[in-house]
Amino acid sequence: MRRARTWLPGLLLVAPSIILIGVFVYGMLGWNFRVAMTDQHDAVSEGEFVGLQNFIDIWDQQRWHLSVNHAIVFTIVFVVGALVLGWLLAFLMEKGIRGEGTFRAIYLFPMAISFVATGIVWRWLMNSGTGERAVGLNRLFDWIGLPQWQWFRDPDWGMAAMALPAIWQMSGYVMALFLAGFRGVPEELREAARVDGCTEWGVYRHVVLPLLRPVTLSALIILGHISLKVFDLIVAVSGKQIITDVPAVFMWVAVFDSNDPAKGATIASYIVLSVAIFVIPYLIWSVRKERRS
């Protein structure tokens, strides 16, 4: 009883959260994988167990290949763009500019906006109208003499343009992570490097940047899993168009438009597995790091 008094109150405190997470997160994930292994391709049948057949058959569909390719392009442009822009903003802020608090609030403000609101605004900014019908960025480009773009309607660079709103929204968050990392580097290490003859760039290359690797990894994991399951931003900007199709949109169409629960569950399972590829190694690395410290 004495031992129970030490751990029982804490267990009772977190028990409701554990139960809810177990039922509505891991329970729903298990149910989704169960549906994905059946032939329930309509809304009324029970469906029989078919194993991994749905996971294999979906690779024969052209739309699945297209949505995966779009997701890869979106992920690369979004992650690289947000990391580079966030690092650059943090580097400038780290120099101690005047009005730093104001700039920091301005850069972080987009993160307080939902992807839906961001998508609606950027749908107008990236309107593909040209000439007299041009609005948003195309209107600005026409005024300063730059060529007008098709933006997300471009068959080659549409998904790269679709990543611009996400970069705008998340770069401030990445800036905050890198800025905290910059400020966490002891000034004594920088001074020691300068005494040894390092230039200012050498200080950042050999001292500061290596110490920012954990921050970079954390930002990479966060941005990566956001990009792989992006849905609301795509739908808010372009709707359910093939030209900007991604697995999450394809899943929505399969379940609610085509009434094919098994296909939708299969796509959702692939999304979960792709996110796990990013998250699980990071969790293992974090646990090992804590044990070593």
C-alpha atoms as a PDB file:
ATOM      1  CA  MET A   1       0.000   0.000   0.000  1.00  0.00           C
ATOM      2  CA  ARG A   2       2.833   2.396   0.758  1.00  0.00           C
ATOM      3  CA  ARG A   3       4.305   1.821  -2.691  1.00  0.00           C
ATOM      4  CA  ALA A   4       0.889   2.231  -4.296  1.00  0.00           C
ATOM      5  CA  ARG A   5       0.512   5.626  -2.672  1.00  0.00           C
ATOM      6  CA  THR A   6       3.564   6.847  -4.577  1.00  0.00           C
ATOM      7  CA  TRP A   7       2.475   5.881  -8.098  1.00  0.00           C
ATOM      8  CA  LEU A   8      -1.308   5.346  -7.896  1.00  0.00           C
ATOM      9  CA  PRO A   9      -2.338   9.061  -7.721  1.00  0.00           C
ATOM     10  CA  GLY A  10      -0.240   9.861 -10.784  1.00  0.00           C
ATOM     11  CA  LEU A  11      -1.656   6.877 -12.663  1.00  0.00           C
ATOM     12  CA  LEU A  12      -5.222   7.881 -11.837  1.00  0.00           C
ATOM     13  CA  LEU A  13      -4.465  11.409 -13.035  1.00  0.00           C
ATOM     14  CA  VAL A  14      -3.255  10.330 -16.485  1.00  0.00           C
ATOM     15  CA  ALA A  15      -5.524   7.285 -16.845  1.00  0.00           C
ATOM     16  CA  PRO A  16      -8.334   9.155 -18.697  1.00  0.00           C
ATOM     17  CA  SER A  17      -5.839  10.506 -21.234  1.00  0.00           C
ATOM     18  CA  ILE A  18      -4.276   7.073 -21.707  1.00  0.00           C
ATOM     19  CA  ILE A  19      -7.689   5.484 -22.257  1.00  0.00           C
ATOM     20  CA  LEU A  20      -8.819   8.160 -24.719  1.00  0.00           C
ATOM     21  CA  ILE A  21      -5.569   7.992 -26.688  1.00  0.00           C
ATOM     22  CA  GLY A  22      -5.703   4.194 -26.707  1.00  0.00           C
ATOM     23  CA  VAL A  23      -9.273   4.149 -28.041  1.00  0.00           C
ATOM     24  CA  PHE A  24      -9.432   7.148 -30.382  1.00  0.00           C
ATOM     25  CA  VAL A  25      -5.840   7.085 -31.714  1.00  0.00           C
ATOM     26  CA  TYR A  26      -4.408   3.572 -31.634  1.00  0.00           C
ATOM     27  CA  GLY A  27      -7.822   1.898 -31.660  1.00  0.00           C
ATOM     28  CA  MET A  28      -8.852   3.863 -34.761  1.00  0.00           C
ATOM     29  CA  LEU A  29      -5.497   3.113 -36.400  1.00  0.00           C
ATOM     30  CA  GLY A  30      -6.072  -0.595 -35.812  1.00  0.00           C
ATOM     31  CA  TRP A  31      -9.597  -0.378 -37.214  1.00  0.00           C
ATOM     32  CA  ASN A  32      -8.285   1.463 -40.282  1.00  0.00           C
ATOM     33  CA  PHE A  33      -5.688  -1.239 -40.971  1.00  0.00           C
ATOM     34  CA  ARG A  34      -8.404  -3.881 -40.531  1.00  0.00           C
ATOM     35  CA  VAL A  35     -10.607  -2.217 -43.176  1.00  0.00           C
ATOM     36  CA  ALA A  36      -7.597  -1.845 -45.482  1.00  0.00           C
ATOM     37  CA  MET A  37      -7.176  -5.644 -45.435  1.00  0.00           C
ATOM     38  CA  THR A  38     -10.732  -6.350 -46.602  1.00  0.00           C
ATOM     39  CA  ASP A  39     -12.536  -6.129 -49.952  1.00  0.00           C
ATOM     40  CA  GLN A  40     -15.105  -3.651 -48.614  1.00  0.00           C
ATOM     41  CA  HIS A  41     -15.302  -1.540 -51.775  1.00  0.00           C
ATOM     42  CA  ASP A  42     -18.783  -0.147 -51.115  1.00  0.00           C
ATOM     43  CA  ALA A  43     -20.625   1.413 -48.196  1.00  0.00           C
ATOM     44  CA  VAL A  44     -22.929  -1.515 -47.372  1.00  0.00           C
ATOM     45  CA  SER A  45     -20.976  -4.782 -47.607  1.00  0.00           C
ATOM     46  CA  GLU A  46     -19.064  -6.225 -44.684  1.00  0.00           C
ATOM     47  CA  GLY A  47     -16.035  -7.191 -46.731  1.00  0.00           C
ATOM     48  CA  GLU A  48     -13.869 -10.293 -46.463  1.00  0.00           C
ATOM     49  CA  PHE A  49     -10.250 -10.506 -45.413  1.00  0.00           C
ATOM     50  CA  VAL A  50      -7.837 -10.198 -48.365  1.00  0.00           C
ATOM     51  CA  GLY A  51      -4.576  -9.522 -46.550  1.00  0.00           C
ATOM     52  CA  LEU A  52      -2.219  -7.093 -48.252  1.00  0.00           C
ATOM     53  CA  GLN A  53      -3.913  -7.327 -51.647  1.00  0.00           C
ATOM     54  CA  ASN A  54      -5.218  -3.745 -51.508  1.00  0.00           C
ATOM     55  CA  PHE A  55      -1.746  -2.452 -50.664  1.00  0.00           C
ATOM     56  CA  ILE A  56      -0.419  -4.156 -53.802  1.00  0.00           C
ATOM     57  CA  ASP A  57      -3.288  -3.362 -56.173  1.00  0.00           C
ATOM     58  CA  ILE A  58      -3.226   0.373 -55.506  1.00  0.00           C
ATOM     59  CA  TRP A  59       0.171   0.629 -57.200  1.00  0.00           C
ATOM     60  CA  ASP A  60      -1.542  -0.325 -60.468  1.00  0.00           C
ATOM     61  CA  GLN A  61      -3.575   2.909 -60.393  1.00  0.00           C
ATOM     62  CA  GLN A  62      -2.144   5.885 -62.246  1.00  0.00           C
ATOM     63  CA  ARG A  63      -3.733   8.392 -59.889  1.00  0.00           C
ATOM     64  CA  TRP A  64      -1.919   6.849 -56.926  1.00  0.00           C
ATOM     65  CA  HIS A  65       1.447   7.238 -58.660  1.00  0.00           C
ATOM     66  CA  LEU A  66       0.562  10.839 -59.525  1.00  0.00           C
ATOM     67  CA  SER A  67      -0.466  11.708 -55.965  1.00  0.00           C
ATOM     68  CA  VAL A  68       2.696  10.132 -54.521  1.00  0.00           C
ATOM     69  CA  ASN A  69       4.899  12.072 -56.948  1.00  0.00           C
ATOM     70  CA  HIS A  70       3.075  15.296 -56.060  1.00  0.00           C
ATOM     71  CA  ALA A  71       3.551  14.590 -52.338  1.00  0.00           C
ATOM     72  CA  ILE A  72       7.290  14.019 -52.860  1.00  0.00           C
ATOM     73  CA  VAL A  73       7.698  17.290 -54.785  1.00  0.00           C
ATOM     74  CA  PHE A  74       5.639  19.194 -52.203  1.00  0.00           C
ATOM     75  CA  THR A  75       7.645  17.680 -49.320  1.00  0.00           C
ATOM     76  CA  ILE A  76      11.034  18.493 -50.831  1.00  0.00           C
ATOM     77  CA  VAL A  77      10.174  22.104 -51.718  1.00  0.00           C
ATOM     78  CA  PHE A  78       8.325  22.749 -48.467  1.00  0.00           C
ATOM     79  CA  VAL A  79      10.900  21.228 -46.119  1.00  0.00           C
ATOM     80  CA  VAL A  80      13.932  22.737 -47.846  1.00  0.00           C
ATOM     81  CA  GLY A  81      12.267  26.136 -48.305  1.00  0.00           C
ATOM     82  CA  ALA A  82      11.052  26.383 -44.703  1.00  0.00           C
ATOM     83  CA  LEU A  83      14.411  25.238 -43.305  1.00  0.00           C
ATOM     84  CA  VAL A  84      16.428  27.676 -45.415  1.00  0.00           C
ATOM     85  CA  LEU A  85      14.121  30.646 -44.860  1.00  0.00           C
ATOM     86  CA  GLY A  86      13.723  29.897 -41.151  1.00  0.00           C
ATOM     87  CA  TRP A  87      17.491  29.570 -40.701  1.00  0.00           C
ATOM     88  CA  LEU A  88      18.110  32.818 -42.577  1.00  0.00           C
ATOM     89  CA  LEU A  89      15.567  34.727 -40.494  1.00  0.00           C
ATOM     90  CA  ALA A  90      17.030  33.289 -37.281  1.00  0.00           C
ATOM     91  CA  PHE A  91      20.545  34.208 -38.418  1.00  0.00           C
ATOM     92  CA  LEU A  92      19.484  37.813 -38.999  1.00  0.00           C
ATOM     93  CA  MET A  93      17.596  37.966 -35.695  1.00  0.00           C
ATOM     94  CA  GLU A  94      20.545  36.457 -33.840  1.00  0.00           C
ATOM     95  CA  LYS A  95      22.601  39.537 -34.694  1.00  0.00           C
ATOM     96  CA  GLY A  96      20.446  41.543 -32.290  1.00  0.00           C
ATOM     97  CA  ILE A  97      18.647  43.888 -34.683  1.00  0.00           C
ATOM     98  CA  ARG A  98      16.603  46.780 -33.349  1.00  0.00           C
ATOM     99  CA  GLY A  99      12.946  45.922 -32.830  1.00  0.00           C
ATOM    100  CA  GLU A 100      13.671  42.209 -32.582  1.00  0.00           C
ATOM    101  CA  GLY A 101      10.521  41.489 -30.578  1.00  0.00           C
ATOM    102  CA  THR A 102       8.315  43.111 -33.219  1.00  0.00           C
ATOM    103  CA  PHE A 103       9.940  41.220 -36.080  1.00  0.00           C
ATOM    104  CA  ARG A 104       9.757  37.957 -34.153  1.00  0.00           C
ATOM    105  CA  ALA A 105       6.027  38.439 -33.602  1.00  0.00           C
ATOM    106  CA  ILE A 106       5.495  39.273 -37.281  1.00  0.00           C
ATOM    107  CA  TYR A 107       7.360  36.176 -38.427  1.00  0.00           C
ATOM    108  CA  LEU A 108       5.507  33.922 -35.974  1.00  0.00           C
ATOM    109  CA  PHE A 109       2.053  35.350 -36.721  1.00  0.00           C
ATOM    110  CA  PRO A 110       1.343  33.164 -39.813  1.00  0.00           C
ATOM    111  CA  MET A 111       1.617  30.052 -37.671  1.00  0.00           C
ATOM    112  CA  ALA A 112      -1.433  31.211 -35.680  1.00  0.00           C
ATOM    113  CA  ILE A 113      -3.520  31.024 -38.854  1.00  0.00           C
ATOM    114  CA  SER A 114      -5.103  27.766 -39.973  1.00  0.00           C
ATOM    115  CA  PHE A 115      -4.066  26.145 -43.226  1.00  0.00           C
ATOM    116  CA  VAL A 116      -7.600  26.718 -44.516  1.00  0.00           C
ATOM    117  CA  ALA A 117      -7.400  30.485 -44.022  1.00  0.00           C
ATOM    118  CA  THR A 118      -3.895  30.516 -45.472  1.00  0.00           C
ATOM    119  CA  GLY A 119      -5.097  28.560 -48.489  1.00  0.00           C
ATOM    120  CA  ILE A 120      -7.988  30.927 -49.179  1.00  0.00           C
ATOM    121  CA  VAL A 121      -5.690  33.964 -49.140  1.00  0.00           C
ATOM    122  CA  TRP A 122      -3.017  32.302 -51.281  1.00  0.00           C
ATOM    123  CA  ARG A 123      -5.638  31.039 -53.746  1.00  0.00           C
ATOM    124  CA  TRP A 124      -6.229  34.690 -54.610  1.00  0.00           C
ATOM    125  CA  LEU A 125      -2.516  35.537 -54.569  1.00  0.00           C
ATOM    126  CA  MET A 126      -1.699  32.622 -56.894  1.00  0.00           C
ATOM    127  CA  ASN A 127      -4.581  33.182 -59.275  1.00  0.00           C
ATOM    128  CA  SER A 128      -3.474  32.063 -62.729  1.00  0.00           C
ATOM    129  CA  GLY A 129      -5.312  34.840 -64.593  1.00  0.00           C
ATOM    130  CA  THR A 130      -3.102  36.865 -66.933  1.00  0.00           C
ATOM    131  CA  GLY A 131      -3.322  40.181 -68.755  1.00  0.00           C
ATOM    132  CA  GLU A 132      -6.370  42.226 -67.788  1.00  0.00           C
ATOM    133  CA  ARG A 133      -7.690  39.304 -65.737  1.00  0.00           C
ATOM    134  CA  ALA A 134      -4.548  39.161 -63.593  1.00  0.00           C
ATOM    135  CA  VAL A 135      -4.913  39.545 -59.816  1.00  0.00           C
ATOM    136  CA  GLY A 136      -2.670  38.845 -56.845  1.00  0.00           C
ATOM    137  CA  LEU A 137       0.963  38.094 -57.614  1.00  0.00           C
ATOM    138  CA  ASN A 138       0.415  38.012 -61.380  1.00  0.00           C
ATOM    139  CA  ARG A 139      -0.932  41.549 -61.186  1.00  0.00           C
ATOM    140  CA  LEU A 140       2.201  42.608 -59.299  1.00  0.00           C
ATOM    141  CA  PHE A 141       4.447  40.832 -61.782  1.00  0.00           C
ATOM    142  CA  ASP A 142       2.669  42.524 -64.688  1.00  0.00           C
ATOM    143  CA  TRP A 143       3.137  45.917 -63.046  1.00  0.00           C
ATOM    144  CA  ILE A 144       6.902  45.467 -62.565  1.00  0.00           C
ATOM    145  CA  GLY A 145       7.431  43.790 -65.924  1.00  0.00           C
ATOM    146  CA  LEU A 146       8.020  40.167 -64.851  1.00  0.00           C
ATOM    147  CA  PRO A 147       6.460  37.180 -66.631  1.00  0.00           C
ATOM    148  CA  GLN A 148       3.178  35.912 -65.227  1.00  0.00           C
ATOM    149  CA  TRP A 149       2.908  32.339 -63.965  1.00  0.00           C
ATOM    150  CA  GLN A 150       0.261  29.626 -63.899  1.00  0.00           C
ATOM    151  CA  TRP A 151       1.213  28.852 -60.283  1.00  0.00           C
ATOM    152  CA  PHE A 152      -0.522  25.710 -58.984  1.00  0.00           C
ATOM    153  CA  ARG A 153      -2.150  25.122 -62.378  1.00  0.00           C
ATOM    154  CA  ASP A 154       1.225  24.625 -64.019  1.00  0.00           C
ATOM    155  CA  PRO A 155       1.565  20.920 -64.971  1.00  0.00           C
ATOM    156  CA  ASP A 156       5.315  20.892 -64.205  1.00  0.00           C
ATOM    157  CA  TRP A 157       5.785  23.265 -61.262  1.00  0.00           C
ATOM    158  CA  GLY A 158       2.285  23.321 -59.776  1.00  0.00           C
ATOM    159  CA  MET A 159       3.164  21.396 -56.612  1.00  0.00           C
ATOM    160  CA  ALA A 160       6.274  23.502 -56.070  1.00  0.00           C
ATOM    161  CA  ALA A 161       4.056  26.601 -56.164  1.00  0.00           C
ATOM    162  CA  MET A 162       1.599  24.882 -53.811  1.00  0.00           C
ATOM    163  CA  ALA A 163       4.397  24.651 -51.228  1.00  0.00           C
ATOM    164  CA  LEU A 164       4.793  28.454 -51.091  1.00  0.00           C
ATOM    165  CA  PRO A 165       1.846  29.034 -48.697  1.00  0.00           C
ATOM    166  CA  ALA A 166       3.139  26.284 -46.401  1.00  0.00           C
ATOM    167  CA  ILE A 167       6.631  27.796 -46.420  1.00  0.00           C
ATOM    168  CA  TRP A 168       5.167  31.213 -45.587  1.00  0.00           C
ATOM    169  CA  GLN A 169       3.199  29.750 -42.683  1.00  0.00           C
ATOM    170  CA  MET A 170       5.832  27.496 -41.103  1.00  0.00           C
ATOM    171  CA  SER A 171       9.094  29.398 -41.684  1.00  0.00           C
ATOM    172  CA  GLY A 172       8.426  31.588 -38.621  1.00  0.00           C
ATOM    173  CA  TYR A 173       8.149  28.507 -36.426  1.00  0.00           C
ATOM    174  CA  VAL A 174      11.405  27.154 -37.839  1.00  0.00           C
ATOM    175  CA  MET A 175      12.965  30.572 -37.197  1.00  0.00           C
ATOM    176  CA  ALA A 176      11.973  30.331 -33.521  1.00  0.00           C
ATOM    177  CA  LEU A 177      13.591  26.885 -33.241  1.00  0.00           C
ATOM    178  CA  PHE A 178      16.840  27.998 -34.850  1.00  0.00           C
ATOM    179  CA  LEU A 179      16.903  31.265 -32.903  1.00  0.00           C
ATOM    180  CA  ALA A 180      16.659  29.322 -29.636  1.00  0.00           C
ATOM    181  CA  GLY A 181      19.481  27.121 -30.897  1.00  0.00           C
ATOM    182  CA  PHE A 182      21.647  30.128 -31.803  1.00  0.00           C
ATOM    183  CA  ARG A 183      21.073  31.687 -28.400  1.00  0.00           C
ATOM    184  CA  GLY A 184      21.932  28.383 -26.708  1.00  0.00           C
ATOM    185  CA  VAL A 185      25.483  28.318 -28.087  1.00  0.00           C
ATOM    186  CA  PRO A 186      27.812  29.583 -25.298  1.00  0.00           C
ATOM    187  CA  GLU A 187      29.644  32.772 -26.166  1.00  0.00           C
ATOM    188  CA  GLU A 188      32.814  31.265 -24.679  1.00  0.00           C
ATOM    189  CA  LEU A 189      32.960  28.729 -27.532  1.00  0.00           C
ATOM    190  CA  ARG A 190      32.671  31.482 -30.121  1.00  0.00           C
ATOM    191  CA  GLU A 191      35.357  33.564 -28.464  1.00  0.00           C
ATOM    192  CA  ALA A 192      37.684  30.557 -28.238  1.00  0.00           C
ATOM    193  CA  ALA A 193      37.242  29.927 -31.961  1.00  0.00           C
ATOM    194  CA  ARG A 194      37.985  33.579 -32.757  1.00  0.00           C
ATOM    195  CA  VAL A 195      41.110  33.457 -30.609  1.00  0.00           C
ATOM    196  CA  ASP A 196      42.231  30.385 -32.592  1.00  0.00           C
ATOM    197  CA  GLY A 197      42.005  32.456 -35.767  1.00  0.00           C
ATOM    198  CA  CYS A 198      38.542  31.542 -37.091  1.00  0.00           C
ATOM    199  CA  THR A 199      36.734  34.095 -39.183  1.00  0.00           C
ATOM    200  CA  GLU A 200      33.111  34.878 -38.358  1.00  0.00           C
ATOM    201  CA  TRP A 201      32.005  32.433 -41.057  1.00  0.00           C
ATOM    202  CA  GLY A 202      34.398  29.851 -39.640  1.00  0.00           C
ATOM    203  CA  VAL A 203      32.845  30.283 -36.191  1.00  0.00           C
ATOM    204  CA  TYR A 204      29.406  29.479 -37.621  1.00  0.00           C
ATOM    205  CA  ARG A 205      30.686  26.636 -39.782  1.00  0.00           C
ATOM    206  CA  HIS A 206      32.820  24.827 -37.198  1.00  0.00           C
ATOM    207  CA  VAL A 207      31.133  25.766 -33.907  1.00  0.00           C
ATOM    208  CA  VAL A 208      27.567  27.022 -34.248  1.00  0.00           C
ATOM    209  CA  LEU A 209      26.192  24.876 -37.075  1.00  0.00           C
ATOM    210  CA  PRO A 210      27.363  21.521 -35.629  1.00  0.00           C
ATOM    211  CA  LEU A 211      25.623  22.403 -32.356  1.00  0.00           C
ATOM    212  CA  LEU A 212      22.401  23.122 -34.289  1.00  0.00           C
ATOM    213  CA  ARG A 213      22.104  19.574 -35.649  1.00  0.00           C
ATOM    214  CA  PRO A 214      19.516  18.481 -33.028  1.00  0.00           C
ATOM    215  CA  VAL A 215      17.417  21.575 -33.811  1.00  0.00           C
ATOM    216  CA  THR A 216      17.694  20.909 -37.539  1.00  0.00           C
ATOM    217  CA  LEU A 217      16.655  17.289 -37.032  1.00  0.00           C
ATOM    218  CA  SER A 218      13.648  18.315 -34.943  1.00  0.00           C
ATOM    219  CA  ALA A 219      12.544  20.865 -37.546  1.00  0.00           C
ATOM    220  CA  LEU A 220      13.028  18.297 -40.315  1.00  0.00           C
ATOM    221  CA  ILE A 221      10.826  15.751 -38.530  1.00  0.00           C
ATOM    222  CA  ILE A 222       8.076  18.282 -37.808  1.00  0.00           C
ATOM    223  CA  LEU A 223       7.994  19.688 -41.339  1.00  0.00           C
ATOM    224  CA  GLY A 224       8.279  16.248 -42.921  1.00  0.00           C
ATOM    225  CA  HIS A 225       5.278  14.759 -41.178  1.00  0.00           C
ATOM    226  CA  ILE A 226       3.197  17.900 -41.836  1.00  0.00           C
ATOM    227  CA  SER A 227       3.938  17.755 -45.555  1.00  0.00           C
ATOM    228  CA  LEU A 228       3.200  14.043 -45.943  1.00  0.00           C
ATOM    229  CA  LYS A 229      -0.320  14.359 -44.537  1.00  0.00           C
ATOM    230  CA  VAL A 230      -1.195  17.782 -45.989  1.00  0.00           C
ATOM    231  CA  PHE A 231      -4.858  18.043 -46.945  1.00  0.00           C
ATOM    232  CA  ASP A 232      -6.612  21.235 -45.866  1.00  0.00           C
ATOM    233  CA  LEU A 233      -4.152  23.592 -47.575  1.00  0.00           C
ATOM    234  CA  ILE A 234      -4.433  21.738 -50.901  1.00  0.00           C
ATOM    235  CA  VAL A 235      -8.226  21.685 -50.840  1.00  0.00           C
ATOM    236  CA  ALA A 236      -8.457  25.347 -49.786  1.00  0.00           C
ATOM    237  CA  VAL A 237      -6.205  26.478 -52.649  1.00  0.00           C
ATOM    238  CA  SER A 238      -7.186  24.253 -55.571  1.00  0.00           C
ATOM    239  CA  GLY A 239      -9.959  21.922 -54.441  1.00  0.00           C
ATOM    240  CA  LYS A 240      -9.876  18.246 -55.440  1.00  0.00           C
ATOM    241  CA  GLN A 241      -8.119  18.719 -58.756  1.00  0.00           C
ATOM    242  CA  ILE A 242      -5.957  16.004 -60.284  1.00  0.00           C
ATOM    243  CA  ILE A 243      -3.198  18.505 -61.040  1.00  0.00           C
ATOM    244  CA  THR A 244      -2.605  19.039 -57.296  1.00  0.00           C
ATOM    245  CA  ASP A 245      -3.665  15.619 -56.060  1.00  0.00           C
ATOM    246  CA  VAL A 246      -1.879  14.189 -53.001  1.00  0.00           C
ATOM    247  CA  PRO A 247      -2.540  10.963 -51.056  1.00  0.00           C
ATOM    248  CA  ALA A 248      -4.715  12.676 -48.422  1.00  0.00           C
ATOM    249  CA  VAL A 249      -6.973  14.212 -51.088  1.00  0.00           C
ATOM    250  CA  PHE A 250      -7.078  10.904 -52.966  1.00  0.00           C
ATOM    251  CA  MET A 251      -8.124   9.216 -49.715  1.00  0.00           C
ATOM    252  CA  TRP A 252     -10.986  11.706 -49.245  1.00  0.00           C
ATOM    253  CA  VAL A 253     -12.203  11.135 -52.796  1.00  0.00           C
ATOM    254  CA  ALA A 254     -12.025   7.350 -52.407  1.00  0.00           C
ATOM    255  CA  VAL A 255     -14.012   7.276 -49.170  1.00  0.00           C
ATOM    256  CA  PHE A 256     -16.592  10.062 -49.573  1.00  0.00           C
ATOM    257  CA  ASP A 257     -16.946  10.477 -53.344  1.00  0.00           C
ATOM    258  CA  SER A 258     -16.359   6.932 -54.601  1.00  0.00           C
ATOM    259  CA  ASN A 259     -17.695   5.153 -51.480  1.00  0.00           C
ATOM    260  CA  ASP A 260     -14.695   2.804 -51.366  1.00  0.00           C
ATOM    261  CA  PRO A 261     -13.734   2.386 -47.670  1.00  0.00           C
ATOM    262  CA  ALA A 262     -11.077  -0.272 -48.344  1.00  0.00           C
ATOM    263  CA  LYS A 263      -9.199   1.905 -50.827  1.00  0.00           C
ATOM    264  CA  GLY A 264      -9.436   4.949 -48.571  1.00  0.00           C
ATOM    265  CA  ALA A 265      -8.194   2.939 -45.589  1.00  0.00           C
ATOM    266  CA  THR A 266      -5.316   1.594 -47.692  1.00  0.00           C
ATOM    267  CA  ILE A 267      -4.250   5.119 -48.654  1.00  0.00           C
ATOM    268  CA  ALA A 268      -4.581   6.251 -45.027  1.00  0.00           C
ATOM    269  CA  SER A 269      -2.406   3.325 -43.949  1.00  0.00           C
ATOM    270  CA  TYR A 270       0.305   4.356 -46.383  1.00  0.00           C
ATOM    271  CA  ILE A 271       0.140   7.919 -45.031  1.00  0.00           C
ATOM    272  CA  VAL A 272       0.515   6.646 -41.455  1.00  0.00           C
ATOM    273  CA  LEU A 273       3.463   4.453 -42.449  1.00  0.00           C
ATOM    274  CA  SER A 274       5.173   7.317 -44.276  1.00  0.00           C
ATOM    275  CA  VAL A 275       4.796   9.574 -41.235  1.00  0.00           C
ATOM    276  CA  ALA A 276       6.124   6.778 -39.015  1.00  0.00           C
ATOM    277  CA  ILE A 277       9.272   6.646 -41.142  1.00  0.00           C
ATOM    278  CA  PHE A 278       9.982  10.208 -39.985  1.00  0.00           C
ATOM    279  CA  VAL A 279       8.735  10.030 -36.403  1.00  0.00           C
ATOM    280  CA  ILE A 280       9.854   6.618 -35.077  1.00  0.00           C
ATOM    281  CA  PRO A 281      13.607   7.035 -35.792  1.00  0.00           C
ATOM    282  CA  TYR A 282      13.442  10.460 -34.148  1.00  0.00           C
ATOM    283  CA  LEU A 283      11.780   9.011 -31.047  1.00  0.00           C
ATOM    284  CA  ILE A 284      14.399   6.245 -30.837  1.00  0.00           C
ATOM    285  CA  TRP A 285      17.190   8.810 -31.197  1.00  0.00           C
ATOM    286  CA  SER A 286      15.624  11.015 -28.488  1.00  0.00           C
ATOM    287  CA  VAL A 287      15.296   8.122 -26.029  1.00  0.00           C
ATOM    288  CA  ARG A 288      18.901   7.023 -26.594  1.00  0.00           C
ATOM    289  CA  LYS A 289      20.118  10.577 -26.171  1.00  0.00           C
ATOM    290  CA  GLU A 290      18.275  10.937 -22.851  1.00  0.00           C
ATOM    291  CA  ARG A 291      19.726   7.636 -21.596  1.00  0.00           C
ATOM    292  CA  ARG A 292      23.260   8.717 -22.493  1.00  0.00           C
ATOM    293  CA  SER A 293      22.798  12.025 -20.676  1.00  0.00           C
END
